[in-house]
Amino acid sequence: MTDKNLLGPWIRRFLLEHLVAERNLSRNTQASYRDTLALLLPFASKQEGCAIDCMTVEELTPEVARKFLDHLERDRRCSDATRNQRLVTIHSLARFIGMRSPVHLAWCSEIRAIPFKKTAKAAIGYLEEAEMDALLGQPDRRTTLGARDHALLLFLYNSGARADEVAKLTVGNLQLGAFPSVRLHGKGNKIRICPLWPATATSLARLVIDRDKSDAVFLGRMKEPLTRFGIHRVVTQYAAMASKAVPTLTKKRVSPHTIRHTTAVHLLRVGVDINTIRVWLGHVSLDTTHI
C-alpha cells in the first residue's frame, strides 16, 4: 500500500482480504457489507466535498458517519435494526484499519464509539396446526406448479430450512430411500442432515424424477432455480389464499421464516428435546433456539 492515509486501498483490503480470506464470511454477509459501503462512500464524498477516490481515512469522520446513519433513517426510511446493521459494517471497517495502522487508532476509537440504537425485540410469529394445515391445503396438486408448491411448503415445514438453504438445494442432497433425509448447507458453511417425513419424501420423489443430481430441486416456470425471493412469494401467495378459510391468518405475517418458527414450536410441543431442535434448525447457539 503506497499511502496508508487513502481510504480506497483499505476498502479493497477489507472486502477482499478480511471478509473473504480471513473471516470466510458467507456470500450474503459479504454482500451486506458491500452494500453498506456502496451507500456510505458516495454520501461521505458528497459531505466532505472531495472525489471518492481521493478520500482519506480521517475524512470519514464520526460526524459524517452519524449523518449517514441519520440519512438512512430519515431519507431511506430504514428501521433501527437496519441502521444498526449498517453500523456493524462501519465499526468492523474501523477496527480492521486500526489494527493494521497504529496512526489511525484514535480515529478507530472515535468511530467505534458511535452507539447502536436500542431496538425492541419483535415477537416471533408461528402458525397453529390448523393454520399450517390450511396453508398446505392450498396448492392444486393436480397441476405441475401446484405439486411443486405443495412439495415446497411441506419441505419448509418438515425441515425448518431457511429460504436461502432451500433455494440452493440440489437433487443430489436428497436421500429418498428407506430412511429419507436431506443434506442442508446452512449459515457459516455448516452442513446438517435433517430427516424427512414419508409424505415429504414422496412429494419430492415425484418432483425430481429423471432429474440430474446437480439440478436445483425447486424450479420455476422456465425451469430456472427458484430464488429465495421466489420462495417467499410462493409462501405469501398461499398464505393470502388460506386466510379466506382461516381468518386468524389475516393477522399474521407469514413468510418462510414463519414456517421455520412453526417447525420449532410444533417439535417442542410433541416433546422433542430442545438440543435436537437446535441441530434440526442449524443453530450454532442454544440461546437462539431458546428464543
C-alpha atoms as a PDB file:
ATOM      1  CA  MET A   1       0.000   0.000   0.000  1.00  0.00           C
ATOM      2  CA  THR A   2       1.666   3.261  -1.125  1.00  0.00           C
ATOM      3  CA  ASP A   3      -0.376   5.671   1.001  1.00  0.00           C
ATOM      4  CA  LYS A   4      -1.891   4.432   4.242  1.00  0.00           C
ATOM      5  CA  ASN A   5      -3.995   7.565   4.516  1.00  0.00           C
ATOM      6  CA  LEU A   6      -6.043   6.849   1.377  1.00  0.00           C
ATOM      7  CA  LEU A   7      -9.342   5.137   2.155  1.00  0.00           C
ATOM      8  CA  GLY A   8      -9.749   3.295  -1.167  1.00  0.00           C
ATOM      9  CA  PRO A   9      -6.941   0.726  -0.717  1.00  0.00           C
ATOM     10  CA  TRP A  10      -8.182  -0.015   2.803  1.00  0.00           C
ATOM     11  CA  ILE A  11     -11.690  -0.660   1.475  1.00  0.00           C
ATOM     12  CA  ARG A  12     -10.299  -3.081  -1.108  1.00  0.00           C
ATOM     13  CA  ARG A  13      -8.288  -4.986   1.513  1.00  0.00           C
ATOM     14  CA  PHE A  14     -11.254  -5.033   3.886  1.00  0.00           C
ATOM     15  CA  LEU A  15     -13.596  -6.543   1.295  1.00  0.00           C
ATOM     16  CA  LEU A  16     -11.221  -8.969  -0.403  1.00  0.00           C
ATOM     17  CA  GLU A  17      -8.711  -9.946   2.275  1.00  0.00           C
ATOM     18  CA  HIS A  18     -10.571  -9.569   5.555  1.00  0.00           C
ATOM     19  CA  LEU A  19     -14.135 -10.622   4.742  1.00  0.00           C
ATOM     20  CA  VAL A  20     -13.257 -13.336   2.227  1.00  0.00           C
ATOM     21  CA  ALA A  21      -9.795 -14.725   3.017  1.00  0.00           C
ATOM     22  CA  GLU A  22      -9.546 -14.131   6.771  1.00  0.00           C
ATOM     23  CA  ARG A  23     -13.123 -14.428   8.056  1.00  0.00           C
ATOM     24  CA  ASN A  24     -14.582 -16.549   5.232  1.00  0.00           C
ATOM     25  CA  LEU A  25     -17.990 -14.939   5.669  1.00  0.00           C
ATOM     26  CA  SER A  26     -20.953 -16.174   3.659  1.00  0.00           C
ATOM     27  CA  ARG A  27     -21.737 -14.542   0.322  1.00  0.00           C
ATOM     28  CA  ASN A  28     -24.867 -12.924   1.738  1.00  0.00           C
ATOM     29  CA  THR A  29     -22.895 -11.346   4.593  1.00  0.00           C
ATOM     30  CA  GLN A  30     -20.205 -10.147   2.192  1.00  0.00           C
ATOM     31  CA  ALA A  31     -22.917  -8.609   0.008  1.00  0.00           C
ATOM     32  CA  SER A  32     -24.407  -6.836   3.048  1.00  0.00           C
ATOM     33  CA  TYR A  33     -21.035  -5.282   3.900  1.00  0.00           C
ATOM     34  CA  ARG A  34     -20.501  -4.214   0.281  1.00  0.00           C
ATOM     35  CA  ASP A  35     -23.986  -2.694   0.098  1.00  0.00           C
ATOM     36  CA  THR A  36     -23.315  -0.612   3.206  1.00  0.00           C
ATOM     37  CA  LEU A  37     -20.069   0.756   1.779  1.00  0.00           C
ATOM     38  CA  ALA A  38     -21.745   1.402  -1.589  1.00  0.00           C
ATOM     39  CA  LEU A  39     -24.167   3.693   0.267  1.00  0.00           C
ATOM     40  CA  LEU A  40     -21.681   5.186   2.720  1.00  0.00           C
ATOM     41  CA  LEU A  41     -18.820   6.202   0.422  1.00  0.00           C
ATOM     42  CA  PRO A  42     -20.789   8.386  -2.062  1.00  0.00           C
ATOM     43  CA  PHE A  43     -22.564  10.011   0.900  1.00  0.00           C
ATOM     44  CA  ALA A  44     -19.268  10.748   2.672  1.00  0.00           C
ATOM     45  CA  SER A  45     -17.681  12.022  -0.533  1.00  0.00           C
ATOM     46  CA  LYS A  46     -20.539  14.480  -1.020  1.00  0.00           C
ATOM     47  CA  GLN A  47     -20.445  15.590   2.610  1.00  0.00           C
ATOM     48  CA  GLU A  48     -16.699  16.259   2.505  1.00  0.00           C
ATOM     49  CA  GLY A  49     -16.739  17.751  -0.989  1.00  0.00           C
ATOM     50  CA  CYS A  50     -13.953  15.566  -2.341  1.00  0.00           C
ATOM     51  CA  ALA A  51     -13.614  12.920  -5.045  1.00  0.00           C
ATOM     52  CA  ILE A  52     -14.432   9.462  -3.752  1.00  0.00           C
ATOM     53  CA  ASP A  53     -11.125   8.010  -4.982  1.00  0.00           C
ATOM     54  CA  CYS A  54      -9.158  10.724  -3.186  1.00  0.00           C
ATOM     55  CA  MET A  55     -10.809  10.375   0.226  1.00  0.00           C
ATOM     56  CA  THR A  56      -8.550   9.772   3.194  1.00  0.00           C
ATOM     57  CA  VAL A  57      -9.377   7.592   6.178  1.00  0.00           C
ATOM     58  CA  GLU A  58      -9.832  10.541   8.522  1.00  0.00           C
ATOM     59  CA  GLU A  59     -12.213  12.284   6.111  1.00  0.00           C
ATOM     60  CA  LEU A  60     -14.657   9.566   7.062  1.00  0.00           C
ATOM     61  CA  THR A  61     -15.230  11.389  10.335  1.00  0.00           C
ATOM     62  CA  PRO A  62     -17.503  10.254  13.185  1.00  0.00           C
ATOM     63  CA  GLU A  63     -19.711  13.244  12.335  1.00  0.00           C
ATOM     64  CA  VAL A  64     -20.085  12.048   8.730  1.00  0.00           C
ATOM     65  CA  ALA A  65     -20.837   8.512   9.934  1.00  0.00           C
ATOM     66  CA  ARG A  66     -23.565   9.820  12.255  1.00  0.00           C
ATOM     67  CA  LYS A  67     -25.075  11.921   9.452  1.00  0.00           C
ATOM     68  CA  PHE A  68     -25.070   8.818   7.260  1.00  0.00           C
ATOM     69  CA  LEU A  69     -26.980   6.834   9.891  1.00  0.00           C
ATOM     70  CA  ASP A  70     -29.489   9.691  10.235  1.00  0.00           C
ATOM     71  CA  HIS A  71     -29.835   9.725   6.428  1.00  0.00           C
ATOM     72  CA  LEU A  72     -30.687   6.013   6.454  1.00  0.00           C
ATOM     73  CA  GLU A  73     -33.496   6.539   8.960  1.00  0.00           C
ATOM     74  CA  ARG A  74     -34.843   9.864   7.707  1.00  0.00           C
ATOM     75  CA  ASP A  75     -34.457   9.687   3.922  1.00  0.00           C
ATOM     76  CA  ARG A  76     -34.294   5.960   3.168  1.00  0.00           C
ATOM     77  CA  ARG A  77     -36.889   5.059   5.838  1.00  0.00           C
ATOM     78  CA  CYS A  78     -34.718   2.280   7.245  1.00  0.00           C
ATOM     79  CA  SER A  79     -35.644   0.635  10.534  1.00  0.00           C
ATOM     80  CA  ASP A  80     -33.495   0.854  13.662  1.00  0.00           C
ATOM     81  CA  ALA A  81     -32.415  -2.742  13.045  1.00  0.00           C
ATOM     82  CA  THR A  82     -31.178  -1.894   9.528  1.00  0.00           C
ATOM     83  CA  ARG A  83     -29.435   1.211  10.848  1.00  0.00           C
ATOM     84  CA  ASN A  84     -27.632  -0.940  13.433  1.00  0.00           C
ATOM     85  CA  GLN A  85     -26.703  -3.493  10.777  1.00  0.00           C
ATOM     86  CA  ARG A  86     -25.053  -0.754   8.681  1.00  0.00           C
ATOM     87  CA  LEU A  87     -23.213   0.473  11.771  1.00  0.00           C
ATOM     88  CA  VAL A  88     -21.772  -3.015  12.304  1.00  0.00           C
ATOM     89  CA  THR A  89     -20.018  -2.669   8.931  1.00  0.00           C
ATOM     90  CA  ILE A  90     -18.641   0.782   9.807  1.00  0.00           C
ATOM     91  CA  HIS A  91     -17.351  -0.470  13.178  1.00  0.00           C
ATOM     92  CA  SER A  92     -15.805  -3.516  11.518  1.00  0.00           C
ATOM     93  CA  LEU A  93     -14.027  -1.396   8.895  1.00  0.00           C
ATOM     94  CA  ALA A  94     -12.665   0.955  11.587  1.00  0.00           C
ATOM     95  CA  ARG A  95     -11.386  -1.973  13.639  1.00  0.00           C
ATOM     96  CA  PHE A  96      -9.741  -3.515  10.566  1.00  0.00           C
ATOM     97  CA  ILE A  97      -7.873  -0.295   9.775  1.00  0.00           C
ATOM     98  CA  GLY A  98      -6.998   0.470  13.422  1.00  0.00           C
ATOM     99  CA  MET A  99      -5.449  -2.960  13.988  1.00  0.00           C
ATOM    100  CA  ARG A 100      -3.173  -2.559  10.958  1.00  0.00           C
ATOM    101  CA  SER A 101      -2.331   1.136  11.135  1.00  0.00           C
ATOM    102  CA  PRO A 102      -1.477   2.449  14.635  1.00  0.00           C
ATOM    103  CA  VAL A 103      -1.572   6.033  13.369  1.00  0.00           C
ATOM    104  CA  HIS A 104      -5.324   5.620  12.880  1.00  0.00           C
ATOM    105  CA  LEU A 105      -6.073   4.190  16.342  1.00  0.00           C
ATOM    106  CA  ALA A 106      -7.596   7.439  17.658  1.00  0.00           C
ATOM    107  CA  TRP A 107      -9.860   7.657  14.589  1.00  0.00           C
ATOM    108  CA  CYS A 108     -10.809   3.990  15.036  1.00  0.00           C
ATOM    109  CA  SER A 109     -11.794   4.589  18.686  1.00  0.00           C
ATOM    110  CA  GLU A 110     -13.977   7.561  17.772  1.00  0.00           C
ATOM    111  CA  ILE A 111     -15.786   5.636  15.026  1.00  0.00           C
ATOM    112  CA  ARG A 112     -16.328   2.599  17.234  1.00  0.00           C
ATOM    113  CA  ALA A 113     -17.716   4.837  19.985  1.00  0.00           C
ATOM    114  CA  ILE A 114     -20.803   5.559  17.821  1.00  0.00           C
ATOM    115  CA  PRO A 115     -23.531   3.675  19.722  1.00  0.00           C
ATOM    116  CA  PHE A 116     -26.130   1.260  18.444  1.00  0.00           C
ATOM    117  CA  LYS A 117     -29.760   2.170  18.871  1.00  0.00           C
ATOM    118  CA  LYS A 118     -31.752   0.120  21.309  1.00  0.00           C
ATOM    119  CA  THR A 119     -34.434  -1.805  19.454  1.00  0.00           C
ATOM    120  CA  ALA A 120     -37.486  -3.628  20.696  1.00  0.00           C
ATOM    121  CA  LYS A 121     -37.344  -7.370  20.189  1.00  0.00           C
ATOM    122  CA  ALA A 122     -40.020  -8.389  17.737  1.00  0.00           C
ATOM    123  CA  ALA A 123     -42.295 -11.229  18.771  1.00  0.00           C
ATOM    124  CA  ILE A 124     -41.505 -14.421  16.897  1.00  0.00           C
ATOM    125  CA  GLY A 125     -44.566 -15.494  14.943  1.00  0.00           C
ATOM    126  CA  TYR A 126     -45.605 -19.046  14.143  1.00  0.00           C
ATOM    127  CA  LEU A 127     -48.669 -20.895  12.844  1.00  0.00           C
ATOM    128  CA  GLU A 128     -51.022 -23.108  14.774  1.00  0.00           C
ATOM    129  CA  GLU A 129     -51.605 -26.607  13.399  1.00  0.00           C
ATOM    130  CA  ALA A 130     -54.939 -25.681  11.788  1.00  0.00           C
ATOM    131  CA  GLU A 131     -53.320 -22.661  10.111  1.00  0.00           C
ATOM    132  CA  MET A 132     -50.408 -24.740   8.820  1.00  0.00           C
ATOM    133  CA  ASP A 133     -52.799 -27.416   7.531  1.00  0.00           C
ATOM    134  CA  ALA A 134     -54.808 -24.733   5.715  1.00  0.00           C
ATOM    135  CA  LEU A 135     -51.623 -23.401   4.116  1.00  0.00           C
ATOM    136  CA  LEU A 136     -50.562 -26.869   2.963  1.00  0.00           C
ATOM    137  CA  GLY A 137     -54.026 -27.475   1.532  1.00  0.00           C
ATOM    138  CA  GLN A 138     -53.999 -24.509  -0.859  1.00  0.00           C
ATOM    139  CA  PRO A 139     -51.854 -25.710  -3.821  1.00  0.00           C
ATOM    140  CA  ASP A 140     -53.713 -27.603  -6.536  1.00  0.00           C
ATOM    141  CA  ARG A 141     -51.620 -30.780  -6.672  1.00  0.00           C
ATOM    142  CA  ARG A 142     -53.269 -31.838  -9.946  1.00  0.00           C
ATOM    143  CA  THR A 143     -51.120 -29.253 -11.753  1.00  0.00           C
ATOM    144  CA  THR A 144     -47.350 -29.273 -12.164  1.00  0.00           C
ATOM    145  CA  LEU A 145     -46.849 -25.966 -10.358  1.00  0.00           C
ATOM    146  CA  GLY A 146     -49.329 -26.911  -7.653  1.00  0.00           C
ATOM    147  CA  ALA A 147     -47.449 -30.163  -6.985  1.00  0.00           C
ATOM    148  CA  ARG A 148     -44.183 -28.202  -6.805  1.00  0.00           C
ATOM    149  CA  ASP A 149     -45.654 -25.637  -4.417  1.00  0.00           C
ATOM    150  CA  HIS A 150     -47.144 -28.280  -2.126  1.00  0.00           C
ATOM    151  CA  ALA A 151     -43.776 -30.073  -2.018  1.00  0.00           C
ATOM    152  CA  LEU A 152     -42.060 -26.758  -1.264  1.00  0.00           C
ATOM    153  CA  LEU A 153     -44.421 -25.837   1.601  1.00  0.00           C
ATOM    154  CA  LEU A 154     -44.249 -29.344   3.038  1.00  0.00           C
ATOM    155  CA  PHE A 155     -40.449 -29.350   2.810  1.00  0.00           C
ATOM    156  CA  LEU A 156     -40.210 -25.976   4.579  1.00  0.00           C
ATOM    157  CA  TYR A 157     -42.443 -27.275   7.384  1.00  0.00           C
ATOM    158  CA  ASN A 158     -40.647 -30.615   7.661  1.00  0.00           C
ATOM    159  CA  SER A 159     -37.082 -29.293   7.629  1.00  0.00           C
ATOM    160  CA  GLY A 160     -37.425 -25.803   9.131  1.00  0.00           C
ATOM    161  CA  ALA A 161     -34.925 -24.769   6.459  1.00  0.00           C
ATOM    162  CA  ARG A 162     -34.142 -21.143   5.665  1.00  0.00           C
ATOM    163  CA  ALA A 163     -35.331 -19.839   2.291  1.00  0.00           C
ATOM    164  CA  ASP A 164     -31.726 -19.452   1.123  1.00  0.00           C
ATOM    165  CA  GLU A 165     -30.970 -23.069   2.043  1.00  0.00           C
ATOM    166  CA  VAL A 166     -33.989 -24.261   0.062  1.00  0.00           C
ATOM    167  CA  ALA A 167     -33.028 -22.146  -2.949  1.00  0.00           C
ATOM    168  CA  LYS A 168     -29.560 -23.771  -3.024  1.00  0.00           C
ATOM    169  CA  LEU A 169     -30.869 -27.310  -2.527  1.00  0.00           C
ATOM    170  CA  THR A 170     -29.927 -29.742  -5.304  1.00  0.00           C
ATOM    171  CA  VAL A 171     -31.312 -33.177  -6.152  1.00  0.00           C
ATOM    172  CA  GLY A 172     -28.036 -34.779  -5.032  1.00  0.00           C
ATOM    173  CA  ASN A 173     -28.635 -33.538  -1.490  1.00  0.00           C
ATOM    174  CA  LEU A 174     -31.797 -35.622  -1.186  1.00  0.00           C
ATOM    175  CA  GLN A 175     -31.749 -39.186   0.125  1.00  0.00           C
ATOM    176  CA  LEU A 176     -35.184 -40.607  -0.662  1.00  0.00           C
ATOM    177  CA  GLY A 177     -34.614 -44.307   0.056  1.00  0.00           C
ATOM    178  CA  ALA A 178     -35.616 -46.372   3.085  1.00  0.00           C
ATOM    179  CA  PHE A 179     -34.581 -43.668   5.571  1.00  0.00           C
ATOM    180  CA  PRO A 180     -35.263 -40.384   3.730  1.00  0.00           C
ATOM    181  CA  SER A 181     -33.239 -37.319   4.673  1.00  0.00           C
ATOM    182  CA  VAL A 182     -31.849 -34.095   3.256  1.00  0.00           C
ATOM    183  CA  ARG A 183     -28.388 -32.574   3.454  1.00  0.00           C
ATOM    184  CA  LEU A 184     -28.682 -28.820   4.060  1.00  0.00           C
ATOM    185  CA  HIS A 185     -25.923 -26.258   3.526  1.00  0.00           C
ATOM    186  CA  GLY A 186     -26.573 -23.587   6.153  1.00  0.00           C
ATOM    187  CA  LYS A 187     -25.106 -20.389   7.560  1.00  0.00           C
ATOM    188  CA  GLY A 188     -21.356 -20.285   8.068  1.00  0.00           C
ATOM    189  CA  ASN A 189     -20.937 -23.111   5.517  1.00  0.00           C
ATOM    190  CA  LYS A 190     -22.235 -25.583   8.112  1.00  0.00           C
ATOM    191  CA  ILE A 191     -23.757 -28.840   6.909  1.00  0.00           C
ATOM    192  CA  ARG A 192     -26.597 -30.653   8.684  1.00  0.00           C
ATOM    193  CA  ILE A 193     -28.696 -33.720   7.942  1.00  0.00           C
ATOM    194  CA  CYS A 194     -32.464 -33.494   8.519  1.00  0.00           C
ATOM    195  CA  PRO A 195     -34.844 -36.478   8.423  1.00  0.00           C
ATOM    196  CA  LEU A 196     -37.762 -36.315   6.012  1.00  0.00           C
ATOM    197  CA  TRP A 197     -41.297 -37.499   6.670  1.00  0.00           C
ATOM    198  CA  PRO A 198     -42.620 -40.181   4.279  1.00  0.00           C
ATOM    199  CA  ALA A 199     -45.137 -37.694   2.824  1.00  0.00           C
ATOM    200  CA  THR A 200     -42.340 -35.169   2.169  1.00  0.00           C
ATOM    201  CA  ALA A 201     -40.117 -37.810   0.588  1.00  0.00           C
ATOM    202  CA  THR A 202     -42.974 -38.977  -1.684  1.00  0.00           C
ATOM    203  CA  SER A 203     -43.739 -35.426  -2.848  1.00  0.00           C
ATOM    204  CA  LEU A 204     -40.065 -34.708  -3.528  1.00  0.00           C
ATOM    205  CA  ALA A 205     -39.538 -38.027  -5.339  1.00  0.00           C
ATOM    206  CA  ARG A 206     -42.318 -37.148  -7.782  1.00  0.00           C
ATOM    207  CA  LEU A 207     -40.831 -33.700  -8.244  1.00  0.00           C
ATOM    208  CA  VAL A 208     -37.248 -34.754  -9.046  1.00  0.00           C
ATOM    209  CA  ILE A 209     -37.876 -37.927 -11.061  1.00  0.00           C
ATOM    210  CA  ASP A 210     -35.443 -38.278 -14.010  1.00  0.00           C
ATOM    211  CA  ARG A 211     -33.573 -35.127 -12.916  1.00  0.00           C
ATOM    212  CA  ASP A 212     -29.790 -34.706 -12.725  1.00  0.00           C
ATOM    213  CA  LYS A 213     -28.160 -34.636  -9.276  1.00  0.00           C
ATOM    214  CA  SER A 214     -26.775 -31.160  -9.918  1.00  0.00           C
ATOM    215  CA  ASP A 215     -30.221 -29.693 -10.703  1.00  0.00           C
ATOM    216  CA  ALA A 216     -31.963 -27.444  -8.215  1.00  0.00           C
ATOM    217  CA  VAL A 217     -34.868 -29.238  -6.537  1.00  0.00           C
ATOM    218  CA  PHE A 218     -37.337 -26.371  -6.869  1.00  0.00           C
ATOM    219  CA  LEU A 219     -37.613 -24.881 -10.354  1.00  0.00           C
ATOM    220  CA  GLY A 220     -39.676 -22.013 -11.779  1.00  0.00           C
ATOM    221  CA  ARG A 221     -41.929 -21.976 -14.834  1.00  0.00           C
ATOM    222  CA  MET A 222     -38.939 -21.564 -17.158  1.00  0.00           C
ATOM    223  CA  LYS A 223     -37.018 -24.389 -15.420  1.00  0.00           C
ATOM    224  CA  GLU A 224     -34.681 -21.962 -13.684  1.00  0.00           C
ATOM    225  CA  PRO A 225     -33.942 -22.435  -9.940  1.00  0.00           C
ATOM    226  CA  LEU A 226     -36.345 -20.646  -7.604  1.00  0.00           C
ATOM    227  CA  THR A 227     -34.615 -17.845  -5.693  1.00  0.00           C
ATOM    228  CA  ARG A 228     -35.258 -17.124  -2.028  1.00  0.00           C
ATOM    229  CA  PHE A 229     -37.450 -14.234  -3.201  1.00  0.00           C
ATOM    230  CA  GLY A 230     -39.450 -16.622  -5.355  1.00  0.00           C
ATOM    231  CA  ILE A 231     -39.856 -18.964  -2.390  1.00  0.00           C
ATOM    232  CA  HIS A 232     -41.048 -16.043  -0.259  1.00  0.00           C
ATOM    233  CA  ARG A 233     -43.578 -15.132  -2.956  1.00  0.00           C
ATOM    234  CA  VAL A 234     -44.963 -18.689  -3.072  1.00  0.00           C
ATOM    235  CA  VAL A 235     -45.456 -18.725   0.707  1.00  0.00           C
ATOM    236  CA  THR A 236     -47.144 -15.312   0.887  1.00  0.00           C
ATOM    237  CA  GLN A 237     -49.395 -16.123  -2.090  1.00  0.00           C
ATOM    238  CA  TYR A 238     -50.783 -19.277  -0.467  1.00  0.00           C
ATOM    239  CA  ALA A 239     -50.990 -17.623   2.947  1.00  0.00           C
ATOM    240  CA  ALA A 240     -53.303 -14.992   1.441  1.00  0.00           C
ATOM    241  CA  MET A 241     -55.439 -17.775  -0.067  1.00  0.00           C
ATOM    242  CA  ALA A 242     -55.527 -19.747   3.199  1.00  0.00           C
ATOM    243  CA  SER A 243     -56.582 -16.675   5.175  1.00  0.00           C
ATOM    244  CA  LYS A 244     -60.007 -16.851   3.492  1.00  0.00           C
ATOM    245  CA  ALA A 245     -60.604 -20.238   5.136  1.00  0.00           C
ATOM    246  CA  VAL A 246     -58.770 -19.472   8.405  1.00  0.00           C
ATOM    247  CA  PRO A 247     -59.336 -15.787   9.317  1.00  0.00           C
ATOM    248  CA  THR A 248     -56.650 -15.806  12.046  1.00  0.00           C
ATOM    249  CA  LEU A 249     -54.031 -15.852   9.279  1.00  0.00           C
ATOM    250  CA  THR A 250     -55.010 -12.322   8.248  1.00  0.00           C
ATOM    251  CA  LYS A 251     -53.439 -11.053  11.492  1.00  0.00           C
ATOM    252  CA  LYS A 252     -50.136 -12.836  10.879  1.00  0.00           C
ATOM    253  CA  ARG A 253     -47.222 -12.026   8.622  1.00  0.00           C
ATOM    254  CA  VAL A 254     -46.475 -15.381   7.015  1.00  0.00           C
ATOM    255  CA  SER A 255     -43.066 -15.943   5.422  1.00  0.00           C
ATOM    256  CA  PRO A 256     -40.633 -18.869   5.020  1.00  0.00           C
ATOM    257  CA  HIS A 257     -39.120 -17.838   8.349  1.00  0.00           C
ATOM    258  CA  THR A 258     -42.550 -18.022   9.988  1.00  0.00           C
ATOM    259  CA  ILE A 259     -42.772 -21.633   8.840  1.00  0.00           C
ATOM    260  CA  ARG A 260     -39.288 -22.214  10.288  1.00  0.00           C
ATOM    261  CA  HIS A 261     -40.515 -20.927  13.667  1.00  0.00           C
ATOM    262  CA  THR A 262     -43.620 -23.088  13.280  1.00  0.00           C
ATOM    263  CA  THR A 263     -41.455 -26.178  12.830  1.00  0.00           C
ATOM    264  CA  ALA A 264     -39.569 -25.400  16.042  1.00  0.00           C
ATOM    265  CA  VAL A 265     -42.716 -24.759  18.095  1.00  0.00           C
ATOM    266  CA  HIS A 266     -44.504 -27.870  16.846  1.00  0.00           C
ATOM    267  CA  LEU A 267     -41.436 -30.046  17.513  1.00  0.00           C
ATOM    268  CA  LEU A 268     -41.258 -28.649  21.038  1.00  0.00           C
ATOM    269  CA  ARG A 269     -44.967 -29.300  21.631  1.00  0.00           C
ATOM    270  CA  VAL A 270     -44.640 -33.003  20.782  1.00  0.00           C
ATOM    271  CA  GLY A 271     -41.766 -33.374  23.231  1.00  0.00           C
ATOM    272  CA  VAL A 272     -38.654 -33.155  21.055  1.00  0.00           C
ATOM    273  CA  ASP A 273     -35.575 -32.189  23.109  1.00  0.00           C
ATOM    274  CA  ILE A 274     -34.523 -28.560  22.601  1.00  0.00           C
ATOM    275  CA  ASN A 275     -30.944 -29.529  21.748  1.00  0.00           C
ATOM    276  CA  THR A 276     -32.279 -31.764  18.974  1.00  0.00           C
ATOM    277  CA  ILE A 277     -34.339 -28.820  17.701  1.00  0.00           C
ATOM    278  CA  ARG A 278     -31.160 -26.685  17.734  1.00  0.00           C
ATOM    279  CA  VAL A 279     -29.409 -29.189  15.461  1.00  0.00           C
ATOM    280  CA  TRP A 280     -32.561 -29.602  13.331  1.00  0.00           C
ATOM    281  CA  LEU A 281     -32.699 -25.848  12.632  1.00  0.00           C
ATOM    282  CA  GLY A 282     -28.934 -25.425  12.259  1.00  0.00           C
ATOM    283  CA  HIS A 283     -28.486 -23.007  15.167  1.00  0.00           C
ATOM    284  CA  VAL A 284     -24.937 -22.576  16.468  1.00  0.00           C
ATOM    285  CA  SER A 285     -26.047 -21.411  19.913  1.00  0.00           C
ATOM    286  CA  LEU A 286     -28.728 -22.957  22.085  1.00  0.00           C
ATOM    287  CA  ASP A 287     -29.665 -19.410  23.160  1.00  0.00           C
ATOM    288  CA  THR A 288     -31.019 -18.750  19.657  1.00  0.00           C
ATOM    289  CA  THR A 289     -33.218 -21.837  19.883  1.00  0.00           C
ATOM    290  CA  HIS A 290     -34.475 -20.863  23.359  1.00  0.00           C
ATOM    291  CA  ILE A 291     -35.894 -17.620  21.948  1.00  0.00           C
END
